[in-house]
Protein backbone atom coordinates (compact mmCIF):
# COMPACT_ATOMS: atom_id res chain seq x y z
CA MET A 1 -0.50 39.38 -25.96
CA LYS A 2 0.24 36.09 -24.16
CA THR A 3 -2.47 33.43 -24.42
CA ALA A 4 -3.52 30.70 -22.01
CA LEU A 5 -5.71 27.71 -22.88
CA ILE A 6 -7.75 26.82 -19.81
CA SER A 7 -9.89 23.66 -19.64
CA VAL A 8 -10.17 21.92 -16.28
CA TYR A 9 -12.29 19.22 -14.71
CA ASP A 10 -11.23 20.23 -11.19
CA LYS A 11 -12.43 23.83 -11.08
CA ARG A 12 -11.10 24.73 -7.64
CA GLY A 13 -9.56 28.21 -7.80
CA ILE A 14 -9.81 28.45 -11.57
CA VAL A 15 -11.98 31.60 -11.64
CA ASP A 16 -9.62 33.54 -9.34
CA PHE A 17 -6.58 32.33 -11.28
CA SER A 18 -8.13 33.31 -14.62
CA LEU A 19 -9.16 36.74 -13.28
CA GLU A 20 -5.56 37.40 -12.24
CA LEU A 21 -4.27 36.28 -15.64
CA SER A 22 -6.72 38.64 -17.33
CA LYS A 23 -5.55 41.54 -15.15
CA LEU A 24 -1.98 40.74 -16.24
CA GLY A 25 -3.04 41.11 -19.89
CA TRP A 26 -3.33 37.46 -20.84
CA GLY A 27 -5.88 36.30 -23.38
CA ILE A 28 -7.84 33.17 -22.47
CA ILE A 29 -9.04 30.31 -24.65
CA SER A 30 -11.39 27.81 -23.09
CA THR A 31 -13.82 24.95 -23.69
CA GLY A 32 -17.13 23.57 -22.43
CA GLY A 33 -17.94 23.91 -18.75
CA THR A 34 -14.79 25.87 -17.97
CA SER A 35 -15.62 28.46 -20.61
CA LYS A 36 -19.12 28.81 -19.17
CA ILE A 37 -18.05 29.53 -15.58
CA LEU A 38 -15.32 31.93 -16.68
CA LYS A 39 -17.78 33.91 -18.80
CA GLU A 40 -20.26 33.97 -15.92
CA ALA A 41 -17.49 35.51 -13.81
CA GLY A 42 -17.14 38.31 -16.36
CA ILE A 43 -13.88 37.05 -17.89
CA LYS A 44 -13.39 37.54 -21.61
CA VAL A 45 -13.00 34.08 -23.16
CA VAL A 46 -12.39 32.89 -26.70
CA ASP A 47 -13.93 29.48 -27.35
CA VAL A 48 -11.62 26.79 -28.71
CA SER A 49 -13.89 26.35 -31.73
CA GLU A 50 -12.99 29.93 -32.80
CA ILE A 51 -9.32 28.93 -32.82
CA THR A 52 -9.77 25.58 -34.56
CA LYS A 53 -12.51 26.87 -36.93
CA PHE A 54 -14.18 23.58 -36.15
CA PRO A 55 -16.97 22.79 -33.69
CA GLU A 56 -16.66 20.48 -30.69
CA ILE A 57 -17.95 17.11 -31.92
CA LEU A 58 -18.79 13.60 -30.74
CA ASP A 59 -20.24 14.72 -27.40
CA GLY A 60 -17.07 16.64 -26.61
CA ARG A 61 -14.71 13.77 -27.45
CA VAL A 62 -12.97 16.02 -29.99
CA LYS A 63 -12.29 19.61 -28.95
CA THR A 64 -8.59 20.44 -28.78
CA LEU A 65 -7.17 17.78 -31.10
CA HIS A 66 -6.30 20.19 -33.89
CA PRO A 67 -3.14 21.64 -35.53
CA ASN A 68 -4.17 25.17 -34.54
CA ILE A 69 -3.94 24.06 -30.90
CA HIS A 70 -0.96 21.72 -30.99
CA GLY A 71 0.95 23.84 -33.47
CA GLY A 72 0.51 26.83 -31.16
CA LEU A 73 1.88 24.76 -28.28
CA LEU A 74 4.69 22.83 -29.91
CA TYR A 75 6.50 25.25 -32.20
CA LYS A 76 9.93 26.31 -30.98
CA ARG A 77 10.04 30.05 -30.43
CA ASN A 78 13.73 30.23 -31.42
CA ASN A 79 13.45 28.09 -34.56
CA LYS A 80 13.08 30.17 -37.75
CA GLU A 81 11.49 27.33 -39.72
CA HIS A 82 8.94 26.68 -36.95
CA ILE A 83 8.13 30.40 -36.74
CA LYS A 84 7.67 30.61 -40.51
CA ALA A 85 5.46 27.48 -40.55
CA VAL A 86 3.01 28.75 -37.93
CA LYS A 87 2.95 32.19 -39.52
CA ASP A 88 2.21 30.77 -42.97
CA LEU A 89 -0.58 28.61 -41.53
CA ASN A 90 -1.95 31.47 -39.41
CA ILE A 91 -1.43 29.53 -36.16
CA ASN A 92 -1.31 31.70 -33.07
CA SER A 93 0.97 31.08 -30.12
CA ILE A 94 -0.41 29.38 -26.98
CA ASP A 95 1.89 30.18 -24.09
CA MET A 96 0.18 28.43 -21.20
CA VAL A 97 -2.06 25.40 -20.71
CA VAL A 98 -4.09 24.96 -17.55
CA ASN A 99 -5.72 21.55 -17.61
CA ASN A 100 -6.56 18.55 -15.47
CA LEU A 101 -8.08 15.35 -16.71
CA TYR A 102 -11.39 13.57 -16.62
CA PRO A 103 -11.79 11.80 -13.25
CA PHE A 104 -10.99 8.26 -14.36
CA GLU A 105 -9.69 7.26 -10.90
CA GLU A 106 -12.78 8.50 -9.08
CA THR A 107 -15.09 6.90 -11.65
CA VAL A 108 -13.46 3.47 -11.61
CA LYS A 109 -13.62 3.43 -7.80
CA LYS A 110 -17.27 4.57 -7.71
CA GLU A 111 -19.69 1.88 -6.60
CA GLY A 112 -22.00 0.88 -9.43
CA ALA A 113 -20.04 2.64 -12.18
CA THR A 114 -20.79 1.06 -15.56
CA GLN A 115 -18.13 0.11 -18.07
CA GLU A 116 -19.50 2.74 -20.47
CA GLU A 117 -19.22 5.43 -17.80
CA ILE A 118 -15.66 4.36 -16.97
CA ILE A 119 -14.60 4.37 -20.62
CA GLU A 120 -16.09 7.83 -21.20
CA ASN A 121 -13.87 9.13 -18.39
CA ILE A 122 -10.70 8.21 -20.26
CA ASP A 123 -9.38 11.63 -21.30
CA ILE A 124 -7.81 11.87 -24.76
CA GLY A 125 -7.44 15.52 -25.68
CA GLY A 126 -6.29 16.59 -22.22
CA PRO A 127 -3.25 14.26 -21.98
CA SER A 128 -2.26 15.13 -25.55
CA MET A 129 -2.43 18.84 -24.83
CA ILE A 130 -0.56 18.87 -21.53
CA ARG A 131 2.10 16.50 -22.85
CA ALA A 132 2.61 18.79 -25.84
CA ALA A 133 2.95 21.81 -23.55
CA ALA A 134 5.29 19.92 -21.21
CA LYS A 135 7.46 18.75 -24.10
CA ASN A 136 7.85 22.41 -25.11
CA TYR A 137 8.36 23.61 -21.52
CA LYS A 138 11.24 25.88 -22.57
CA ASP A 139 8.60 28.13 -24.13
CA VAL A 140 5.26 27.04 -22.63
CA THR A 141 3.94 26.94 -19.05
CA VAL A 142 1.66 24.04 -18.16
CA VAL A 143 -0.32 23.73 -14.93
CA VAL A 144 -2.20 20.59 -13.89
CA GLU A 145 -2.68 21.12 -10.15
CA PRO A 146 -4.59 24.02 -8.51
CA SER A 147 -1.91 24.08 -5.79
CA ASP A 148 0.52 25.52 -8.38
CA TYR A 149 -1.64 28.49 -9.41
CA GLU A 150 -0.10 30.74 -6.78
CA LYS A 151 3.48 29.87 -7.82
CA VAL A 152 2.70 30.80 -11.42
CA LEU A 153 0.98 34.08 -10.53
CA ASP A 154 3.78 35.09 -8.15
CA GLU A 155 6.38 34.81 -10.92
CA LEU A 156 4.20 36.49 -13.54
CA LYS A 157 3.63 39.43 -11.19
CA SER A 158 7.24 39.74 -10.06
CA LYS A 159 9.08 38.90 -13.30
CA GLY A 160 6.52 39.32 -16.07
CA GLU A 161 7.02 35.69 -17.09
CA THR A 162 7.58 32.27 -15.58
CA SER A 163 11.15 31.11 -15.04
CA ILE A 164 12.64 28.13 -16.85
CA GLU A 165 13.05 26.44 -13.46
CA LEU A 166 9.33 26.72 -12.72
CA ARG A 167 8.36 25.56 -16.20
CA GLN A 168 10.61 22.51 -15.90
CA TYR A 169 9.13 21.72 -12.46
CA LEU A 170 5.60 21.98 -13.92
CA ALA A 171 6.52 19.83 -16.94
CA ARG A 172 7.90 17.13 -14.69
CA LYS A 173 4.60 17.07 -12.81
CA VAL A 174 2.73 16.63 -16.09
CA PHE A 175 4.60 13.47 -17.03
CA GLU A 176 4.17 12.06 -13.51
CA TYR A 177 0.46 12.87 -13.78
CA THR A 178 -0.09 11.28 -17.21
CA ALA A 179 2.03 8.21 -16.35
CA TYR A 180 -0.06 7.66 -13.23
CA TYR A 181 -3.29 8.26 -15.16
CA ASP A 182 -2.34 5.80 -17.90
CA SER A 183 -1.30 3.16 -15.36
CA LEU A 184 -4.79 3.33 -13.81
CA ILE A 185 -6.32 2.76 -17.23
CA SER A 186 -4.01 -0.12 -18.18
CA ASN A 187 -4.65 -1.83 -14.85
CA TYR A 188 -8.41 -1.43 -15.36
CA PHE A 189 -8.18 -3.23 -18.72
CA ASN A 190 -6.00 -5.94 -17.17
CA ARG A 191 -8.73 -6.54 -14.61
CA LEU A 192 -11.36 -6.63 -17.35
CA GLU A 193 -9.45 -9.46 -19.01
CA SER A 194 -8.44 -11.13 -15.71
CA ILE A 195 -4.75 -10.70 -16.52
CA ASP A 196 -2.69 -11.02 -13.34
CA PHE A 197 0.75 -10.67 -14.89
CA PRO A 198 0.73 -8.53 -18.07
CA GLU A 199 3.70 -8.38 -20.43
CA LYS A 200 4.37 -4.80 -19.32
CA ILE A 201 3.29 -3.67 -15.89
CA SER A 202 2.59 -0.20 -14.50
CA LEU A 203 1.88 0.13 -10.79
CA SER A 204 0.00 3.10 -9.36
CA PHE A 205 0.83 4.70 -6.03
CA LYS A 206 0.28 8.22 -4.72
CA ASP A 207 0.16 10.50 -1.65
CA LYS A 208 3.89 10.45 -0.91
CA GLU A 209 4.78 10.74 2.75
CA GLU A 210 8.36 11.66 3.52
CA LEU A 211 9.93 9.47 6.19
CA ARG A 212 12.67 10.60 8.53
CA TYR A 213 14.94 7.92 7.08
CA GLY A 214 14.83 4.37 5.80
CA GLU A 215 15.77 1.07 7.41
CA ASN A 216 18.91 2.83 8.66
CA PRO A 217 19.58 6.54 9.28
CA HIS A 218 21.82 6.89 6.22
CA GLN A 219 19.04 5.74 3.84
CA LYS A 220 16.44 8.13 2.45
CA ALA A 221 12.86 6.82 2.32
CA ALA A 222 9.26 7.66 1.48
CA PHE A 223 5.88 5.95 1.82
CA TYR A 224 3.46 5.83 -1.11
CA LYS A 225 -0.12 4.61 -0.84
CA GLU A 226 -2.05 2.42 -3.23
CA VAL A 227 -4.91 3.90 -5.21
CA ASP A 228 -7.42 1.86 -3.23
CA ASN A 229 -7.34 -1.14 -0.87
CA LEU A 230 -6.49 1.15 2.05
CA GLU A 231 -9.18 -0.16 4.38
CA GLY A 232 -7.73 -2.32 7.14
CA THR A 233 -4.15 -1.20 6.43
CA ILE A 234 -1.57 1.12 7.95
CA ALA A 235 -1.90 3.31 4.85
CA GLY A 236 -5.55 3.86 5.76
CA ALA A 237 -5.09 4.14 9.53
CA ASN A 238 -6.10 7.11 11.68
CA LYS A 239 -3.18 8.18 13.85
CA LEU A 240 -4.71 9.21 17.16
CA HIS A 241 -1.49 9.97 19.03
CA GLY A 242 2.28 10.10 18.66
CA LYS A 243 4.94 11.23 16.23
CA GLU A 244 5.14 10.26 12.58
CA LEU A 245 5.73 6.65 11.62
CA SER A 246 9.15 5.53 10.42
CA PHE A 247 10.10 3.11 7.64
CA ASN A 248 10.60 0.29 10.16
CA ASN A 249 7.39 1.16 12.00
CA ILE A 250 5.39 0.76 8.80
CA ASN A 251 7.15 -2.43 7.74
CA ASP A 252 6.89 -4.05 11.18
CA GLY A 253 3.33 -2.87 11.66
CA ASN A 254 2.32 -4.39 8.36
CA GLY A 255 3.84 -7.70 9.46
CA ALA A 256 1.70 -7.60 12.62
CA LEU A 257 -1.45 -6.85 10.62
CA GLU A 258 -0.87 -9.69 8.15
CA ILE A 259 -0.61 -12.18 11.02
CA LEU A 260 -3.58 -10.71 12.91
CA LYS A 261 -5.90 -11.14 9.93
CA GLU A 262 -5.65 -14.94 10.28
CA PHE A 263 -7.42 -14.97 13.67
CA GLU A 264 -11.13 -14.57 14.40
CA GLU A 265 -11.24 -14.80 18.21
CA PRO A 266 -9.78 -12.06 20.44
CA THR A 267 -6.10 -11.96 19.51
CA ILE A 268 -2.98 -9.92 20.17
CA VAL A 269 0.05 -10.03 17.88
CA ALA A 270 3.34 -8.56 19.09
CA VAL A 271 6.03 -7.97 16.47
CA LYS A 272 9.69 -6.96 16.56
CA HIS A 273 11.75 -6.45 13.39
CA ALA A 274 8.89 -7.80 11.20
CA ASN A 275 8.83 -11.12 13.08
CA PRO A 276 6.31 -12.09 15.75
CA CYS A 277 7.67 -12.27 19.26
CA GLY A 278 4.33 -13.21 20.79
CA ILE A 279 0.85 -14.19 19.60
CA GLY A 280 -2.05 -15.00 21.87
CA SER A 281 -5.75 -15.75 21.48
CA GLY A 282 -8.29 -16.07 24.28
CA LYS A 283 -11.82 -15.51 25.48
CA ASP A 284 -11.08 -11.79 25.78
CA LEU A 285 -8.35 -9.37 24.75
CA LEU A 286 -6.72 -9.20 28.18
CA THR A 287 -6.23 -12.97 28.18
CA ALA A 288 -4.82 -12.74 24.65
CA TYR A 289 -2.43 -9.95 25.64
CA ASN A 290 -1.12 -11.86 28.63
CA LYS A 291 -0.36 -14.87 26.43
CA ALA A 292 1.43 -12.73 23.83
CA TYR A 293 3.42 -10.95 26.55
CA GLU A 294 4.42 -14.17 28.32
CA SER A 295 5.73 -15.59 25.02
CA ASP A 296 8.76 -13.28 25.15
CA LYS A 297 8.80 -10.64 27.88
CA ILE A 298 12.12 -9.21 26.67
CA SER A 299 11.63 -8.91 22.91
CA ILE A 300 8.18 -7.32 23.16
CA PHE A 301 9.83 -4.25 24.72
CA GLY A 302 9.88 -1.52 22.05
CA GLY A 303 7.76 -3.68 19.77
CA ILE A 304 4.48 -3.24 17.95
CA ILE A 305 1.12 -4.58 19.12
CA ALA A 306 -1.91 -5.30 16.94
CA ALA A 307 -5.32 -6.22 18.36
CA ASN A 308 -8.46 -7.37 16.57
CA ARG A 309 -10.85 -6.04 19.23
CA GLU A 310 -11.36 -2.64 20.86
CA ILE A 311 -8.68 -1.92 23.43
CA ASP A 312 -10.24 -1.09 26.79
CA GLU A 313 -8.77 0.52 29.89
CA GLU A 314 -7.65 -2.76 31.47
CA VAL A 315 -5.67 -3.85 28.41
CA ALA A 316 -4.27 -0.32 28.00
CA LYS A 317 -2.93 -0.39 31.54
CA ARG A 318 -1.15 -3.69 30.86
CA ILE A 319 0.34 -2.30 27.66
CA ASN A 320 1.58 0.78 29.49
CA GLU A 321 3.60 -1.33 31.91
CA ILE A 322 6.34 -1.50 29.28
CA PHE A 323 7.51 0.64 26.37
CA ILE A 324 5.60 -0.14 23.17
CA GLU A 325 6.28 1.74 19.91
CA ILE A 326 2.86 1.32 18.28
CA VAL A 327 -0.56 0.00 19.26
CA MET A 328 -2.99 -0.82 16.43
CA ALA A 329 -6.62 -1.74 16.96
CA PRO A 330 -10.03 -1.27 15.34
CA SER A 331 -10.98 1.13 18.14
CA PHE A 332 -10.01 2.37 21.60
CA SER A 333 -12.26 3.21 24.51
CA LYS A 334 -12.03 6.77 25.89
CA GLU A 335 -10.53 5.39 29.08
CA ALA A 336 -7.94 3.39 27.14
CA LEU A 337 -6.90 6.45 25.13
CA LYS A 338 -6.48 8.45 28.32
CA VAL A 339 -4.18 5.74 29.69
CA LEU A 340 -2.15 5.24 26.52
CA THR A 341 -1.71 8.91 25.61
CA ALA A 342 -0.12 9.54 28.98
CA LYS A 343 3.03 8.25 27.29
CA LYS A 344 4.43 10.79 24.82
CA ASN A 345 6.29 8.46 22.46
CA ILE A 346 3.70 5.77 21.85
CA ARG A 347 1.90 5.83 18.48
CA ILE A 348 -1.77 4.89 18.48
CA LEU A 349 -3.29 3.77 15.19
CA GLU A 350 -7.01 3.22 14.76
CA ILE A 351 -7.72 0.83 11.88
CA PRO A 352 -11.52 0.43 11.78
CA ASN A 353 -11.85 -2.59 9.47
CA ILE A 354 -8.66 -4.22 10.73
CA MET A 355 -9.76 -7.74 9.74
CA LYS A 356 -10.36 -6.99 6.06
CA LYS A 357 -8.73 -9.71 3.96
CA ASP A 358 -9.88 -9.34 0.37
CA TYR A 359 -6.90 -7.53 -1.10
CA SER A 360 -6.24 -7.93 -4.80
CA SER A 361 -2.86 -6.22 -4.75
CA TYR A 362 0.41 -7.91 -5.57
CA ASP A 363 3.12 -8.99 -3.18
CA ILE A 364 6.18 -7.24 -4.61
CA LYS A 365 9.88 -7.54 -3.84
CA LYS A 366 12.48 -5.31 -5.48
CA VAL A 367 15.71 -6.98 -6.55
CA LEU A 368 18.69 -5.59 -8.42
CA GLY A 369 17.60 -5.16 -12.01
CA GLY A 370 13.91 -5.95 -11.59
CA ILE A 371 10.96 -6.81 -9.39
CA LEU A 372 9.48 -10.10 -8.27
CA ILE A 373 5.69 -10.17 -8.24
CA GLN A 374 3.43 -12.84 -6.82
CA GLU A 375 -0.11 -13.30 -5.58
CA ARG A 376 -0.61 -12.57 -1.91
CA ASN A 377 -0.49 -15.66 0.31
CA THR A 378 -4.17 -15.72 1.26
CA GLN A 379 -4.65 -19.48 1.64
CA LEU A 380 -4.11 -21.41 4.85
CA LEU A 381 -4.52 -25.15 4.28
CA GLY A 382 -4.31 -27.60 1.41
CA GLU A 383 -7.28 -29.67 0.27
CA GLU A 384 -7.37 -31.66 3.49
CA LEU A 385 -5.45 -32.22 6.68
CA LYS A 386 -3.85 -35.64 6.80
CA VAL A 387 -2.95 -37.38 10.07
CA VAL A 388 0.13 -39.41 9.13
CA THR A 389 0.96 -40.95 12.51
CA ASN A 390 -0.69 -43.75 14.49
CA ARG A 391 -1.87 -41.32 17.14
CA LYS A 392 -4.38 -38.62 16.22
CA PRO A 393 -4.17 -35.20 17.91
CA THR A 394 -6.48 -34.59 20.85
CA ASP A 395 -9.07 -31.82 20.54
CA ARG A 396 -6.87 -29.50 22.60
CA GLU A 397 -3.82 -30.31 20.50
CA MET A 398 -5.84 -29.77 17.34
CA GLU A 399 -6.88 -26.28 18.49
CA ASP A 400 -3.26 -25.39 19.18
CA LEU A 401 -2.04 -26.92 15.93
CA ILE A 402 -4.45 -24.80 13.85
CA PHE A 403 -3.53 -21.73 15.93
CA GLY A 404 0.14 -22.46 15.29
CA TRP A 405 -0.40 -22.99 11.58
CA LYS A 406 -2.08 -19.59 11.28
CA ALA A 407 0.70 -17.95 13.26
CA VAL A 408 3.66 -19.55 11.50
CA LYS A 409 2.59 -17.97 8.19
CA GLY A 410 3.98 -14.72 9.56
CA VAL A 411 7.35 -16.10 10.68
CA LYS A 412 10.39 -15.63 8.46
CA SER A 413 11.66 -18.93 7.01
CA ASN A 414 12.97 -21.28 8.13
CA GLY A 415 10.25 -20.72 10.69
CA VAL A 416 8.78 -22.86 13.46
CA LEU A 417 6.53 -21.96 16.34
CA ILE A 418 5.74 -23.76 19.61
CA VAL A 419 2.25 -23.27 21.02
CA LYS A 420 0.41 -24.07 24.23
CA ASP A 421 -3.19 -23.07 25.04
CA LYS A 422 -3.42 -20.83 21.93
CA GLY A 423 -0.40 -18.79 22.84
CA THR A 424 3.11 -18.85 21.43
CA ILE A 425 5.78 -19.94 23.89
CA GLY A 426 8.77 -20.33 21.57
CA ILE A 427 9.51 -19.02 18.08
CA GLY A 428 12.40 -20.04 15.82
CA MET A 429 12.81 -17.82 12.76
CA GLY A 430 15.01 -16.91 9.85
CA GLU A 431 17.40 -19.85 10.21
CA VAL A 432 19.17 -21.45 7.26
CA ASN A 433 18.72 -24.85 8.87
CA ARG A 434 15.32 -26.09 10.08
CA VAL A 435 16.65 -28.04 13.05
CA TRP A 436 18.37 -24.85 14.24
CA ALA A 437 15.01 -23.08 14.14
CA VAL A 438 13.47 -25.98 16.10
CA LYS A 439 16.21 -25.88 18.74
CA ALA A 440 15.91 -22.10 19.07
CA ALA A 441 12.14 -22.39 19.60
CA ILE A 442 12.62 -25.12 22.22
CA GLU A 443 15.21 -23.04 24.06
CA ARG A 444 12.92 -19.99 24.08
CA ALA A 445 9.97 -22.04 25.31
CA GLY A 446 12.01 -23.18 28.32
CA ASP A 447 10.24 -25.30 30.90
CA LYS A 448 6.84 -24.57 29.31
CA VAL A 449 7.67 -26.76 26.33
CA LYS A 450 6.37 -30.06 27.75
CA GLY A 451 2.88 -30.82 26.44
CA SER A 452 3.10 -28.18 23.69
CA VAL A 453 2.68 -28.47 19.91
CA LEU A 454 4.80 -27.23 17.02
CA ALA A 455 3.98 -25.69 13.63
CA SER A 456 6.61 -25.64 10.88
CA ASP A 457 6.26 -23.48 7.75
CA GLY A 458 8.12 -26.09 5.64
CA PHE A 459 8.68 -29.83 5.74
CA PHE A 460 11.32 -31.59 7.86
CA PRO A 461 14.13 -32.72 5.53
CA PHE A 462 15.43 -35.12 8.20
CA LYS A 463 14.12 -36.76 11.34
CA ASP A 464 16.49 -34.75 13.56
CA SER A 465 13.85 -32.08 14.21
CA VAL A 466 11.36 -34.69 15.41
CA GLU A 467 14.02 -36.21 17.67
CA ALA A 468 14.69 -32.82 19.26
CA LEU A 469 10.98 -32.13 19.74
CA ALA A 470 10.35 -35.54 21.29
CA GLU A 471 13.20 -35.06 23.73
CA ALA A 472 11.78 -31.64 24.71
CA GLY A 473 8.29 -33.02 25.33
CA VAL A 474 6.36 -31.64 22.33
CA THR A 475 3.31 -33.87 21.73
CA ALA A 476 2.03 -32.89 18.27
CA ILE A 477 3.36 -31.42 15.02
CA ILE A 478 1.78 -29.72 12.01
CA GLN A 479 3.87 -29.36 8.86
CA PRO A 480 3.39 -29.37 5.07
CA GLY A 481 4.94 -32.76 4.35
CA GLY A 482 6.51 -33.49 1.00
CA SER A 483 10.07 -34.40 1.94
CA LEU A 484 11.77 -37.41 0.40
CA ARG A 485 12.39 -38.52 3.99
CA ASP A 486 8.86 -37.94 5.31
CA GLU A 487 8.65 -41.60 6.29
CA GLU A 488 11.66 -41.25 8.61
CA SER A 489 9.99 -38.34 10.41
CA ILE A 490 6.70 -40.26 10.68
CA ILE A 491 8.46 -43.33 12.14
CA GLU A 492 10.30 -41.14 14.66
CA ALA A 493 7.03 -39.44 15.67
CA ASP A 494 5.28 -42.82 16.12
CA LYS A 495 8.22 -44.08 18.16
CA ASN A 496 7.70 -41.17 20.61
CA GLY A 497 3.90 -41.06 20.59
CA ILE A 498 3.80 -37.73 18.77
CA ALA A 499 0.78 -36.93 16.61
CA MET A 500 1.70 -35.40 13.27
CA ILE A 501 -0.43 -33.71 10.60
CA PHE A 502 0.49 -32.89 7.01
CA THR A 503 -1.24 -29.83 5.51
CA GLY A 504 -0.16 -30.26 1.89
CA MET A 505 0.71 -26.54 1.77
CA ARG A 506 3.82 -24.69 2.89
CA HIS A 507 4.11 -21.06 3.98
CA PHE A 508 7.63 -19.80 3.32
CA LYS A 509 8.11 -16.12 4.01
CA HIS A 510 11.34 -14.54 2.78
């Protein structure tokens, strides 16, 4: 008779599965709560303690950690020495393990969970048992997810046993499961000790979503979500309308969200290819949208829009005047949804707590042969703003300078941004030379540039950028400072009556 050891925390479907196994002639070994519910269902169960000849001890901490269990799982059925060893020791074969682990993830995320409670939900016997079964998958079937019960029963009913292909598939899932489980535990202990960058790092992601393709059609891609920190993100968004998101949609949308989170007043951020093409703030969202749209009427077409206020019917009508890939907002009025959903291809994402900022996750970049990990760039300014020119900015200029400094954080380096009345009018991005970025921003601003201000994510290495801005009519500059030639830029600014502020902090984005 074949024997299955069944001990599960997640008891969904376990009674029905066990009943079917019993009908197929399988014997069942079980423990604790699982044993209780199976017996109540009228299923004949042998308690683990009868197999181990040892009681469960230490409040259930030790149940299955015994040679009679692990020997029955691990011996090779085609190895004469293994067969002789288990026979001599009177160890019976265990041919299937059905087990899932204590809910460490749920416990560690639970509000108010104590350290003692969290520690007690670190499973020891379960991982040992399923890893043993998975290691010996050529002879043993191991099931850790209720969704696989049907697959196992189908093969047992049709073939009398599980196929090697199914057992290998199930074993692979075990090692994914335990690796994920252990990474949650290691990261918990890192947090306990306030270790940001451990010597060995395990990162936990789940809920794979297949994407149509990657950055380009010839690249395969998938989207995995973090264990938590989903609030205020695309990973935690409610899709109200439209087809599935693509790799570029998610990447570009995330860029829009990161910029949006810098602004408190009604703001619209428009993004194309992960760079902003228009950012506007105003007394209401319609004003903000108009500013973002006017920044670059061409590039916004087919772009992504993020708003930090509910989108109403009036704003929705303006959005619908052109083709927009995605609209993200904390909420949408019924009237706005009716307007927006009239277009088949637009995606509408509701992100309720869109302004959430307190993310503890890493900023990660994959390179050939490794990963680069850093803290997220959550700061905005250095210790103090320093006016370095003879002329101080006016109140209006100061408002625009701070607006620009928030916005330029989201521009790819070398990045500069020209602002007027809390709206972008010219953006220079991704240049290898800062003066090229400045000239590109000036050109894009056109005849609006006079009386505007500029924010630069890094310092000016030479005075040439200030010369170009003065000639264009820019009246104030905000930049980190720190160049060996800062004094040249300051002199040039004073010569042209430009106010300039040093922040003491740069915001490169690569």
